[in-house]
Amino acid sequence: NGYRFAYNLCLEYKSTLWKDYKKNISGFDMQKELFILNKEIDFLSICK
């Protein structure tokens, strides 16, 4: 569930950034933002 949520979130984020602002974000930059989210969301924090 955690992986599926993170995947869908990254896919929506990447496509929205390009559609609205014509900006591309790399996988490593998304990883950094996921690391912050991982601490804030309860059901993600219990996963590896």
ModelCIF file with pLDDT and N, C-alpha, C, O atoms, coordinates in Angstrom:
data_MODEL
#
_entry.id   MODEL 
#
_entity.id                         1 
_entity.type                       polymer 
_entity.pdbx_number_of_molecules   1 
#
_entity_poly.entity_id                      1 
_entity_poly.type                           'polypeptide(L)' 
_entity_poly.nstd_linkage                   no 
_entity_poly.nstd_monomer                   no 
_entity_poly.pdbx_seq_one_letter_code       NGYRFAYNLCLEYKSTLWKDYKKNISGFDMQKELFILNKEIDFLSICK 
_entity_poly.pdbx_seq_one_letter_code_can   NGYRFAYNLCLEYKSTLWKDYKKNISGFDMQKELFILNKEIDFLSICK 
_entity_poly.pdbx_strand_id                 A 
#
loop_
_entity_poly_seq.entity_id 
_entity_poly_seq.num 
_entity_poly_seq.mon_id 
_entity_poly_seq.hetero 
1 1  ASN n 
1 2  GLY n 
1 3  TYR n 
1 4  ARG n 
1 5  PHE n 
1 6  ALA n 
1 7  TYR n 
1 8  ASN n 
1 9  LEU n 
1 10 CYS n 
1 11 LEU n 
1 12 GLU n 
1 13 TYR n 
1 14 LYS n 
1 15 SER n 
1 16 THR n 
1 17 LEU n 
1 18 TRP n 
1 19 LYS n 
1 20 ASP n 
1 21 TYR n 
1 22 LYS n 
1 23 LYS n 
1 24 ASN n 
1 25 ILE n 
1 26 SER n 
1 27 GLY n 
1 28 PHE n 
1 29 ASP n 
1 30 MET n 
1 31 GLN n 
1 32 LYS n 
1 33 GLU n 
1 34 LEU n 
1 35 PHE n 
1 36 ILE n 
1 37 LEU n 
1 38 ASN n 
1 39 LYS n 
1 40 GLU n 
1 41 ILE n 
1 42 ASP n 
1 43 PHE n 
1 44 LEU n 
1 45 SER n 
1 46 ILE n 
1 47 CYS n 
1 48 LYS n 
#
_struct_asym.id          A 
_struct_asym.entity_id   1 
#
loop_
_ma_qa_metric.id 
_ma_qa_metric.mode 
_ma_qa_metric.name 
_ma_qa_metric.software_group_id 
_ma_qa_metric.type 
1 global pLDDT . pLDDT 
2 local  pLDDT . pLDDT 
#
_ma_qa_metric_global.metric_id      1 
_ma_qa_metric_global.metric_value   92.50 
_ma_qa_metric_global.model_id       1 
_ma_qa_metric_global.ordinal_id     1 
#
loop_
_ma_qa_metric_local.label_asym_id 
_ma_qa_metric_local.label_comp_id 
_ma_qa_metric_local.label_seq_id 
_ma_qa_metric_local.metric_id 
_ma_qa_metric_local.metric_value 
_ma_qa_metric_local.model_id 
_ma_qa_metric_local.ordinal_id 
A ASN 1  2 96.00 1 1  
A GLY 2  2 96.00 1 2  
A TYR 3  2 96.00 1 3  
A ARG 4  2 97.00 1 4  
A PHE 5  2 96.00 1 5  
A ALA 6  2 96.00 1 6  
A TYR 7  2 97.00 1 7  
A ASN 8  2 97.00 1 8  
A LEU 9  2 96.00 1 9  
A CYS 10 2 95.00 1 10 
A LEU 11 2 96.00 1 11 
A GLU 12 2 95.00 1 12 
A TYR 13 2 95.00 1 13 
A LYS 14 2 94.00 1 14 
A SER 15 2 94.00 1 15 
A THR 16 2 94.00 1 16 
A LEU 17 2 93.00 1 17 
A TRP 18 2 90.00 1 18 
A LYS 19 2 91.00 1 19 
A ASP 20 2 91.00 1 20 
A TYR 21 2 89.00 1 21 
A LYS 22 2 89.00 1 22 
A LYS 23 2 91.00 1 23 
A ASN 24 2 91.00 1 24 
A ILE 25 2 92.00 1 25 
A SER 26 2 93.00 1 26 
A GLY 27 2 93.00 1 27 
A PHE 28 2 94.00 1 28 
A ASP 29 2 93.00 1 29 
A MET 30 2 94.00 1 30 
A GLN 31 2 93.00 1 31 
A LYS 32 2 92.00 1 32 
A GLU 33 2 91.00 1 33 
A LEU 34 2 91.00 1 34 
A PHE 35 2 89.00 1 35 
A ILE 36 2 89.00 1 36 
A LEU 37 2 89.00 1 37 
A ASN 38 2 86.00 1 38 
A LYS 39 2 86.00 1 39 
A GLU 40 2 88.00 1 40 
A ILE 41 2 90.00 1 41 
A ASP 42 2 90.00 1 42 
A PHE 43 2 91.00 1 43 
A LEU 44 2 92.00 1 44 
A SER 45 2 91.00 1 45 
A ILE 46 2 92.00 1 46 
A CYS 47 2 93.00 1 47 
A LYS 48 2 93.00 1 48 
#
loop_
_atom_site.group_PDB 
_atom_site.id 
_atom_site.type_symbol 
_atom_site.label_atom_id 
_atom_site.label_alt_id 
_atom_site.label_comp_id 
_atom_site.label_asym_id 
_atom_site.label_entity_id 
_atom_site.label_seq_id 
_atom_site.pdbx_PDB_ins_code 
_atom_site.Cartn_x 
_atom_site.Cartn_y 
_atom_site.Cartn_z 
_atom_site.occupancy 
_atom_site.B_iso_or_equiv 
_atom_site.pdbx_formal_charge 
_atom_site.auth_seq_id 
_atom_site.auth_comp_id 
_atom_site.auth_asym_id 
_atom_site.auth_atom_id 
_atom_site.pdbx_PDB_model_num 
ATOM 1   N N  . ASN A 1 1  ? 0.829  -1.217 0.000   1.00 96.00 ? 1  ASN A N  1 
ATOM 2   C CA . ASN A 1 1  ? 0.000  0.000  0.000   1.00 96.00 ? 1  ASN A CA 1 
ATOM 3   C C  . ASN A 1 1  ? 0.860  1.263  0.000   1.00 96.00 ? 1  ASN A C  1 
ATOM 4   O O  . ASN A 1 1  ? 0.562  2.226  -0.706  1.00 96.00 ? 1  ASN A O  1 
ATOM 5   N N  . GLY A 1 2  ? 1.928  1.250  0.796   1.00 96.00 ? 2  GLY A N  1 
ATOM 6   C CA . GLY A 1 2  ? 2.824  2.401  0.875   1.00 96.00 ? 2  GLY A CA 1 
ATOM 7   C C  . GLY A 1 2  ? 3.542  2.655  -0.439  1.00 96.00 ? 2  GLY A C  1 
ATOM 8   O O  . GLY A 1 2  ? 3.657  3.799  -0.878  1.00 96.00 ? 2  GLY A O  1 
ATOM 9   N N  . TYR A 1 3  ? 4.023  1.593  -1.064  1.00 96.00 ? 3  TYR A N  1 
ATOM 10  C CA . TYR A 1 3  ? 4.719  1.728  -2.342  1.00 96.00 ? 3  TYR A CA 1 
ATOM 11  C C  . TYR A 1 3  ? 3.764  2.222  -3.424  1.00 96.00 ? 3  TYR A C  1 
ATOM 12  O O  . TYR A 1 3  ? 4.117  3.094  -4.218  1.00 96.00 ? 3  TYR A O  1 
ATOM 13  N N  . ARG A 1 4  ? 2.551  1.661  -3.455  1.00 97.00 ? 4  ARG A N  1 
ATOM 14  C CA . ARG A 1 4  ? 1.560  2.071  -4.467  1.00 97.00 ? 4  ARG A CA 1 
ATOM 15  C C  . ARG A 1 4  ? 1.195  3.542  -4.306  1.00 97.00 ? 4  ARG A C  1 
ATOM 16  O O  . ARG A 1 4  ? 1.091  4.271  -5.293  1.00 97.00 ? 4  ARG A O  1 
ATOM 17  N N  . PHE A 1 5  ? 1.001  3.977  -3.060  1.00 96.00 ? 5  PHE A N  1 
ATOM 18  C CA . PHE A 1 5  ? 0.687  5.387  -2.772  1.00 96.00 ? 5  PHE A CA 1 
ATOM 19  C C  . PHE A 1 5  ? 1.826  6.294  -3.240  1.00 96.00 ? 5  PHE A C  1 
ATOM 20  O O  . PHE A 1 5  ? 1.584  7.316  -3.882  1.00 96.00 ? 5  PHE A O  1 
ATOM 21  N N  . ALA A 1 6  ? 3.068  5.920  -2.919  1.00 96.00 ? 6  ALA A N  1 
ATOM 22  C CA . ALA A 1 6  ? 4.241  6.725  -3.293  1.00 96.00 ? 6  ALA A CA 1 
ATOM 23  C C  . ALA A 1 6  ? 4.412  6.784  -4.815  1.00 96.00 ? 6  ALA A C  1 
ATOM 24  O O  . ALA A 1 6  ? 4.737  7.836  -5.365  1.00 96.00 ? 6  ALA A O  1 
ATOM 25  N N  . TYR A 1 7  ? 4.193  5.665  -5.484  1.00 97.00 ? 7  TYR A N  1 
ATOM 26  C CA . TYR A 1 7  ? 4.328  5.603  -6.950  1.00 97.00 ? 7  TYR A CA 1 
ATOM 27  C C  . TYR A 1 7  ? 3.306  6.521  -7.619  1.00 97.00 ? 7  TYR A C  1 
ATOM 28  O O  . TYR A 1 7  ? 3.655  7.317  -8.491  1.00 97.00 ? 7  TYR A O  1 
ATOM 29  N N  . ASN A 1 8  ? 2.041  6.405  -7.206  1.00 97.00 ? 8  ASN A N  1 
ATOM 30  C CA . ASN A 1 8  ? 0.970  7.227  -7.794  1.00 97.00 ? 8  ASN A CA 1 
ATOM 31  C C  . ASN A 1 8  ? 1.182  8.712  -7.517  1.00 97.00 ? 8  ASN A C  1 
ATOM 32  O O  . ASN A 1 8  ? 0.911  9.559  -8.369  1.00 97.00 ? 8  ASN A O  1 
ATOM 33  N N  . LEU A 1 9  ? 1.672  9.016  -6.309  1.00 96.00 ? 9  LEU A N  1 
ATOM 34  C CA . LEU A 1 9  ? 1.945  10.407 -5.932  1.00 96.00 ? 9  LEU A CA 1 
ATOM 35  C C  . LEU A 1 9  ? 3.058  10.992 -6.803  1.00 96.00 ? 9  LEU A C  1 
ATOM 36  O O  . LEU A 1 9  ? 2.942  12.118 -7.288  1.00 96.00 ? 9  LEU A O  1 
ATOM 37  N N  . CYS A 1 10 ? 4.135  10.230 -7.002  1.00 95.00 ? 10 CYS A N  1 
ATOM 38  C CA . CYS A 1 10 ? 5.266  10.690 -7.830  1.00 95.00 ? 10 CYS A CA 1 
ATOM 39  C C  . CYS A 1 10 ? 4.852  10.858 -9.293  1.00 95.00 ? 10 CYS A C  1 
ATOM 40  O O  . CYS A 1 10 ? 5.273  11.800 -9.965  1.00 95.00 ? 10 CYS A O  1 
ATOM 41  N N  . LEU A 1 11 ? 4.025  9.934  -9.770  1.00 96.00 ? 11 LEU A N  1 
ATOM 42  C CA . LEU A 1 11 ? 3.567  10.002 -11.164 1.00 96.00 ? 11 LEU A CA 1 
ATOM 43  C C  . LEU A 1 11 ? 2.700  11.239 -11.394 1.00 96.00 ? 11 LEU A C  1 
ATOM 44  O O  . LEU A 1 11 ? 2.845  11.928 -12.404 1.00 96.00 ? 11 LEU A O  1 
ATOM 45  N N  . GLU A 1 12 ? 1.798  11.514 -10.449 1.00 95.00 ? 12 GLU A N  1 
ATOM 46  C CA . GLU A 1 12 ? 0.924  12.692 -10.553 1.00 95.00 ? 12 GLU A CA 1 
ATOM 47  C C  . GLU A 1 12 ? 1.745  13.983 -10.445 1.00 95.00 ? 12 GLU A C  1 
ATOM 48  O O  . GLU A 1 12 ? 1.517  14.940 -11.184 1.00 95.00 ? 12 GLU A O  1 
ATOM 49  N N  . TYR A 1 13 ? 2.697  13.991 -9.519  1.00 95.00 ? 13 TYR A N  1 
ATOM 50  C CA . TYR A 1 13 ? 3.550  15.161 -9.290  1.00 95.00 ? 13 TYR A CA 1 
ATOM 51  C C  . TYR A 1 13 ? 4.379  15.486 -10.531 1.00 95.00 ? 13 TYR A C  1 
ATOM 52  O O  . TYR A 1 13 ? 4.449  16.638 -10.960 1.00 95.00 ? 13 TYR A O  1 
ATOM 53  N N  . LYS A 1 14 ? 5.003  14.457 -11.100 1.00 94.00 ? 14 LYS A N  1 
ATOM 54  C CA . LYS A 1 14 ? 5.865  14.639 -12.278 1.00 94.00 ? 14 LYS A CA 1 
ATOM 55  C C  . LYS A 1 14 ? 5.066  15.117 -13.495 1.00 94.00 ? 14 LYS A C  1 
ATOM 56  O O  . LYS A 1 14 ? 5.498  16.017 -14.216 1.00 94.00 ? 14 LYS A O  1 
ATOM 57  N N  . SER A 1 15 ? 3.896  14.503 -13.717 1.00 94.00 ? 15 SER A N  1 
ATOM 58  C CA . SER A 1 15 ? 3.073  14.870 -14.879 1.00 94.00 ? 15 SER A CA 1 
ATOM 59  C C  . SER A 1 15 ? 2.462  16.266 -14.722 1.00 94.00 ? 15 SER A C  1 
ATOM 60  O O  . SER A 1 15 ? 2.345  17.003 -15.701 1.00 94.00 ? 15 SER A O  1 
ATOM 61  N N  . THR A 1 16 ? 2.071  16.634 -13.487 1.00 94.00 ? 16 THR A N  1 
ATOM 62  C CA . THR A 1 16 ? 1.498  17.963 -13.221 1.00 94.00 ? 16 THR A CA 1 
ATOM 63  C C  . THR A 1 16 ? 2.544  19.061 -13.403 1.00 94.00 ? 16 THR A C  1 
ATOM 64  O O  . THR A 1 16 ? 2.259  20.117 -13.968 1.00 94.00 ? 16 THR A O  1 
ATOM 65  N N  . LEU A 1 17 ? 3.755  18.799 -12.918 1.00 93.00 ? 17 LEU A N  1 
ATOM 66  C CA . LEU A 1 17 ? 4.839  19.781 -13.058 1.00 93.00 ? 17 LEU A CA 1 
ATOM 67  C C  . LEU A 1 17 ? 5.121  20.088 -14.532 1.00 93.00 ? 17 LEU A C  1 
ATOM 68  O O  . LEU A 1 17 ? 5.347  21.237 -14.911 1.00 93.00 ? 17 LEU A O  1 
ATOM 69  N N  . TRP A 1 18 ? 5.103  19.047 -15.339 1.00 90.00 ? 18 TRP A N  1 
ATOM 70  C CA . TRP A 1 18 ? 5.385  19.248 -16.762 1.00 90.00 ? 18 TRP A CA 1 
ATOM 71  C C  . TRP A 1 18 ? 4.206  19.920 -17.473 1.00 90.00 ? 18 TRP A C  1 
ATOM 72  O O  . TRP A 1 18 ? 4.392  20.798 -18.314 1.00 90.00 ? 18 TRP A O  1 
ATOM 73  N N  . LYS A 1 19 ? 2.992  19.490 -17.117 1.00 91.00 ? 19 LYS A N  1 
ATOM 74  C CA . LYS A 1 19 ? 1.789  20.010 -17.782 1.00 91.00 ? 19 LYS A CA 1 
ATOM 75  C C  . LYS A 1 19 ? 1.581  21.497 -17.483 1.00 91.00 ? 19 LYS A C  1 
ATOM 76  O O  . LYS A 1 19 ? 1.271  22.276 -18.384 1.00 91.00 ? 19 LYS A O  1 
ATOM 77  N N  . ASP A 1 20 ? 1.751  21.886 -16.219 1.00 91.00 ? 20 ASP A N  1 
ATOM 78  C CA . ASP A 1 20 ? 1.455  23.261 -15.802 1.00 91.00 ? 20 ASP A CA 1 
ATOM 79  C C  . ASP A 1 20 ? 2.649  24.218 -15.937 1.00 91.00 ? 20 ASP A C  1 
ATOM 80  O O  . ASP A 1 20 ? 2.480  25.385 -16.288 1.00 91.00 ? 20 ASP A O  1 
ATOM 81  N N  . TYR A 1 21 ? 3.865  23.707 -15.652 1.00 89.00 ? 21 TYR A N  1 
ATOM 82  C CA . TYR A 1 21 ? 5.023  24.600 -15.595 1.00 89.00 ? 21 TYR A CA 1 
ATOM 83  C C  . TYR A 1 21 ? 6.136  24.237 -16.594 1.00 89.00 ? 21 TYR A C  1 
ATOM 84  O O  . TYR A 1 21 ? 7.162  24.916 -16.642 1.00 89.00 ? 21 TYR A O  1 
ATOM 85  N N  . LYS A 1 22 ? 5.943  23.180 -17.386 1.00 89.00 ? 22 LYS A N  1 
ATOM 86  C CA . LYS A 1 22 ? 6.949  22.692 -18.342 1.00 89.00 ? 22 LYS A CA 1 
ATOM 87  C C  . LYS A 1 22 ? 8.290  22.452 -17.644 1.00 89.00 ? 22 LYS A C  1 
ATOM 88  O O  . LYS A 1 22 ? 9.357  22.761 -18.176 1.00 89.00 ? 22 LYS A O  1 
ATOM 89  N N  . LYS A 1 23 ? 8.199  21.891 -16.436 1.00 91.00 ? 23 LYS A N  1 
ATOM 90  C CA . LYS A 1 23 ? 9.389  21.622 -15.639 1.00 91.00 ? 23 LYS A CA 1 
ATOM 91  C C  . LYS A 1 23 ? 9.527  20.119 -15.400 1.00 91.00 ? 23 LYS A C  1 
ATOM 92  O O  . LYS A 1 23 ? 8.560  19.448 -15.039 1.00 91.00 ? 23 LYS A O  1 
ATOM 93  N N  . ASN A 1 24 ? 10.727 19.604 -15.603 1.00 91.00 ? 24 ASN A N  1 
ATOM 94  C CA . ASN A 1 24 ? 10.984 18.176 -15.375 1.00 91.00 ? 24 ASN A CA 1 
ATOM 95  C C  . ASN A 1 24 ? 11.699 17.980 -14.041 1.00 91.00 ? 24 ASN A C  1 
ATOM 96  O O  . ASN A 1 24 ? 12.562 18.774 -13.667 1.00 91.00 ? 24 ASN A O  1 
ATOM 97  N N  . ILE A 1 25 ? 11.331 16.919 -13.330 1.00 92.00 ? 25 ILE A N  1 
ATOM 98  C CA . ILE A 1 25 ? 11.973 16.615 -12.045 1.00 92.00 ? 25 ILE A CA 1 
ATOM 99  C C  . ILE A 1 25 ? 12.560 15.205 -12.126 1.00 92.00 ? 25 ILE A C  1 
ATOM 100 O O  . ILE A 1 25 ? 11.913 14.281 -12.620 1.00 92.00 ? 25 ILE A O  1 
ATOM 101 N N  . SER A 1 26 ? 13.771 15.053 -11.642 1.00 93.00 ? 26 SER A N  1 
ATOM 102 C CA . SER A 1 26 ? 14.449 13.750 -11.726 1.00 93.00 ? 26 SER A CA 1 
ATOM 103 C C  . SER A 1 26 ? 13.962 12.811 -10.623 1.00 93.00 ? 26 SER A C  1 
ATOM 104 O O  . SER A 1 26 ? 13.315 13.236 -9.666  1.00 93.00 ? 26 SER A O  1 
ATOM 105 N N  . GLY A 1 27 ? 14.284 11.539 -10.774 1.00 93.00 ? 27 GLY A N  1 
ATOM 106 C CA . GLY A 1 27 ? 13.912 10.540 -9.771  1.00 93.00 ? 27 GLY A CA 1 
ATOM 107 C C  . GLY A 1 27 ? 14.584 10.792 -8.432  1.00 93.00 ? 27 GLY A C  1 
ATOM 108 O O  . GLY A 1 27 ? 13.983 10.557 -7.384  1.00 93.00 ? 27 GLY A O  1 
ATOM 109 N N  . PHE A 1 28 ? 15.838 11.272 -8.454  1.00 94.00 ? 28 PHE A N  1 
ATOM 110 C CA . PHE A 1 28 ? 16.577 11.530 -7.210  1.00 94.00 ? 28 PHE A CA 1 
ATOM 111 C C  . PHE A 1 28 ? 15.974 12.712 -6.432  1.00 94.00 ? 28 PHE A C  1 
ATOM 112 O O  . PHE A 1 28 ? 15.930 12.699 -5.202  1.00 94.00 ? 28 PHE A O  1 
ATOM 113 N N  . ASP A 1 29 ? 15.510 13.732 -7.170  1.00 93.00 ? 29 ASP A N  1 
ATOM 114 C CA . ASP A 1 29 ? 14.860 14.874 -6.500  1.00 93.00 ? 29 ASP A CA 1 
ATOM 115 C C  . ASP A 1 29 ? 13.535 14.448 -5.861  1.00 93.00 ? 29 ASP A C  1 
ATOM 116 O O  . ASP A 1 29 ? 13.193 14.899 -4.768  1.00 93.00 ? 29 ASP A O  1 
ATOM 117 N N  . MET A 1 30 ? 12.798 13.582 -6.546  1.00 94.00 ? 30 MET A N  1 
ATOM 118 C CA . MET A 1 30 ? 11.538 13.072 -5.969  1.00 94.00 ? 30 MET A CA 1 
ATOM 119 C C  . MET A 1 30 ? 11.812 12.202 -4.746  1.00 94.00 ? 30 MET A C  1 
ATOM 120 O O  . MET A 1 30 ? 11.024 12.185 -3.801  1.00 94.00 ? 30 MET A O  1 
ATOM 121 N N  . GLN A 1 31 ? 12.933 11.481 -4.768  1.00 93.00 ? 31 GLN A N  1 
ATOM 122 C CA . GLN A 1 31 ? 13.314 10.655 -3.617  1.00 93.00 ? 31 GLN A CA 1 
ATOM 123 C C  . GLN A 1 31 ? 13.530 11.507 -2.362  1.00 93.00 ? 31 GLN A C  1 
ATOM 124 O O  . GLN A 1 31 ? 13.131 11.129 -1.260  1.00 93.00 ? 31 GLN A O  1 
ATOM 125 N N  . LYS A 1 32 ? 14.175 12.674 -2.557  1.00 92.00 ? 32 LYS A N  1 
ATOM 126 C CA . LYS A 1 32 ? 14.420 13.579 -1.427  1.00 92.00 ? 32 LYS A CA 1 
ATOM 127 C C  . LYS A 1 32 ? 13.109 14.061 -0.809  1.00 92.00 ? 32 LYS A C  1 
ATOM 128 O O  . LYS A 1 32 ? 12.976 14.144 0.412   1.00 92.00 ? 32 LYS A O  1 
ATOM 129 N N  . GLU A 1 33 ? 12.141 14.379 -1.680  1.00 91.00 ? 33 GLU A N  1 
ATOM 130 C CA . GLU A 1 33 ? 10.845 14.864 -1.192  1.00 91.00 ? 33 GLU A CA 1 
ATOM 131 C C  . GLU A 1 33 ? 10.046 13.733 -0.533  1.00 91.00 ? 33 GLU A C  1 
ATOM 132 O O  . GLU A 1 33 ? 9.318  13.954 0.435   1.00 91.00 ? 33 GLU A O  1 
ATOM 133 N N  . LEU A 1 34 ? 10.197 12.516 -1.077  1.00 91.00 ? 34 LEU A N  1 
ATOM 134 C CA . LEU A 1 34 ? 9.531  11.360 -0.462  1.00 91.00 ? 34 LEU A CA 1 
ATOM 135 C C  . LEU A 1 34 ? 10.084 11.063 0.928   1.00 91.00 ? 34 LEU A C  1 
ATOM 136 O O  . LEU A 1 34 ? 9.354  10.641 1.825   1.00 91.00 ? 34 LEU A O  1 
ATOM 137 N N  . PHE A 1 35 ? 11.397 11.292 1.090   1.00 89.00 ? 35 PHE A N  1 
ATOM 138 C CA . PHE A 1 35 ? 12.037 11.063 2.388   1.00 89.00 ? 35 PHE A CA 1 
ATOM 139 C C  . PHE A 1 35 ? 11.418 11.955 3.475   1.00 89.00 ? 35 PHE A C  1 
ATOM 140 O O  . PHE A 1 35 ? 11.237 11.531 4.616   1.00 89.00 ? 35 PHE A O  1 
ATOM 141 N N  . ILE A 1 36 ? 11.098 13.201 3.092   1.00 89.00 ? 36 ILE A N  1 
ATOM 142 C CA . ILE A 1 36 ? 10.451 14.137 4.039   1.00 89.00 ? 36 ILE A CA 1 
ATOM 143 C C  . ILE A 1 36 ? 9.019  13.680 4.328   1.00 89.00 ? 36 ILE A C  1 
ATOM 144 O O  . ILE A 1 36 ? 8.582  13.674 5.479   1.00 89.00 ? 36 ILE A O  1 
ATOM 145 N N  . LEU A 1 37 ? 8.291  13.295 3.266   1.00 89.00 ? 37 LEU A N  1 
ATOM 146 C CA . LEU A 1 37 ? 6.906  12.824 3.425   1.00 89.00 ? 37 LEU A CA 1 
ATOM 147 C C  . LEU A 1 37 ? 6.834  11.566 4.275   1.00 89.00 ? 37 LEU A C  1 
ATOM 148 O O  . LEU A 1 37 ? 5.886  11.369 5.035   1.00 89.00 ? 37 LEU A O  1 
ATOM 149 N N  . ASN A 1 38 ? 7.848  10.715 4.137   1.00 86.00 ? 38 ASN A N  1 
ATOM 150 C CA . ASN A 1 38 ? 7.881  9.438  4.853   1.00 86.00 ? 38 ASN A CA 1 
ATOM 151 C C  . ASN A 1 38 ? 7.789  9.633  6.371   1.00 86.00 ? 38 ASN A C  1 
ATOM 152 O O  . ASN A 1 38 ? 7.205  8.814  7.081   1.00 86.00 ? 38 ASN A O  1 
ATOM 153 N N  . LYS A 1 39 ? 8.383  10.742 6.855   1.00 86.00 ? 39 LYS A N  1 
ATOM 154 C CA . LYS A 1 39 ? 8.353  11.028 8.299   1.00 86.00 ? 39 LYS A CA 1 
ATOM 155 C C  . LYS A 1 39 ? 7.018  11.622 8.739   1.00 86.00 ? 39 LYS A C  1 
ATOM 156 O O  . LYS A 1 39 ? 6.606  11.460 9.887   1.00 86.00 ? 39 LYS A O  1 
ATOM 157 N N  . GLU A 1 40 ? 6.350  12.308 7.819   1.00 88.00 ? 40 GLU A N  1 
ATOM 158 C CA . GLU A 1 40 ? 5.115  13.029 8.168   1.00 88.00 ? 40 GLU A CA 1 
ATOM 159 C C  . GLU A 1 40 ? 3.852  12.160 8.075   1.00 88.00 ? 40 GLU A C  1 
ATOM 160 O O  . GLU A 1 40 ? 2.900  12.374 8.825   1.00 88.00 ? 40 GLU A O  1 
ATOM 161 N N  . ILE A 1 41 ? 3.839  11.190 7.167   1.00 90.00 ? 41 ILE A N  1 
ATOM 162 C CA . ILE A 1 41 ? 2.648  10.343 6.975   1.00 90.00 ? 41 ILE A CA 1 
ATOM 163 C C  . ILE A 1 41 ? 2.812  9.058  7.775   1.00 90.00 ? 41 ILE A C  1 
ATOM 164 O O  . ILE A 1 41 ? 3.806  8.348  7.623   1.00 90.00 ? 41 ILE A O  1 
ATOM 165 N N  . ASP A 1 42 ? 1.830  8.757  8.632   1.00 90.00 ? 42 ASP A N  1 
ATOM 166 C CA . ASP A 1 42 ? 1.927  7.631  9.575   1.00 90.00 ? 42 ASP A CA 1 
ATOM 167 C C  . ASP A 1 42 ? 2.080  6.280  8.895   1.00 90.00 ? 42 ASP A C  1 
ATOM 168 O O  . ASP A 1 42 ? 2.957  5.499  9.265   1.00 90.00 ? 42 ASP A O  1 
ATOM 169 N N  . PHE A 1 43 ? 1.225  5.985  7.887   1.00 91.00 ? 43 PHE A N  1 
ATOM 170 C CA . PHE A 1 43 ? 1.263  4.650  7.288   1.00 91.00 ? 43 PHE A CA 1 
ATOM 171 C C  . PHE A 1 43 ? 2.496  4.426  6.408   1.00 91.00 ? 43 PHE A C  1 
ATOM 172 O O  . PHE A 1 43 ? 2.808  3.288  6.056   1.00 91.00 ? 43 PHE A O  1 
ATOM 173 N N  . LEU A 1 44 ? 3.207  5.520  6.049   1.00 92.00 ? 44 LEU A N  1 
ATOM 174 C CA . LEU A 1 44 ? 4.475  5.384  5.337   1.00 92.00 ? 44 LEU A CA 1 
ATOM 175 C C  . LEU A 1 44 ? 5.637  5.191  6.306   1.00 92.00 ? 44 LEU A C  1 
ATOM 176 O O  . LEU A 1 44 ? 6.598  4.486  5.997   1.00 92.00 ? 44 LEU A O  1 
ATOM 177 N N  . SER A 1 45 ? 5.548  5.811  7.463   1.00 91.00 ? 45 SER A N  1 
ATOM 178 C CA . SER A 1 45 ? 6.650  5.756  8.441   1.00 91.00 ? 45 SER A CA 1 
ATOM 179 C C  . SER A 1 45 ? 6.859  4.361  9.018   1.00 91.00 ? 45 SER A C  1 
ATOM 180 O O  . SER A 1 45 ? 7.946  4.057  9.512   1.00 91.00 ? 45 SER A O  1 
ATOM 181 N N  . ILE A 1 46 ? 5.815  3.486  8.964   1.00 92.00 ? 46 ILE A N  1 
ATOM 182 C CA . ILE A 1 46 ? 5.968  2.121  9.500   1.00 92.00 ? 46 ILE A CA 1 
ATOM 183 C C  . ILE A 1 46 ? 6.576  1.159  8.473   1.00 92.00 ? 46 ILE A C  1 
ATOM 184 O O  . ILE A 1 46 ? 6.807  -0.012 8.775   1.00 92.00 ? 46 ILE A O  1 
ATOM 185 N N  . CYS A 1 47 ? 6.835  1.659  7.257   1.00 93.00 ? 47 CYS A N  1 
ATOM 186 C CA . CYS A 1 47 ? 7.429  0.829  6.192   1.00 93.00 ? 47 CYS A CA 1 
ATOM 187 C C  . CYS A 1 47 ? 8.936  1.092  6.093   1.00 93.00 ? 47 CYS A C  1 
ATOM 188 O O  . CYS A 1 47 ? 9.438  2.110  6.568   1.00 93.00 ? 47 CYS A O  1 
ATOM 189 N N  . LYS A 1 48 ? 9.634  0.155  5.470   1.00 93.00 ? 48 LYS A N  1 
ATOM 190 C CA . LYS A 1 48 ? 11.070 0.324  5.238   1.00 93.00 ? 48 LYS A CA 1 
ATOM 191 C C  . LYS A 1 48 ? 11.277 1.455  4.231   1.00 93.00 ? 48 LYS A C  1 
ATOM 192 O O  . LYS A 1 48 ? 12.415 1.773  3.885   1.00 93.00 ? 48 LYS A O  1 
#
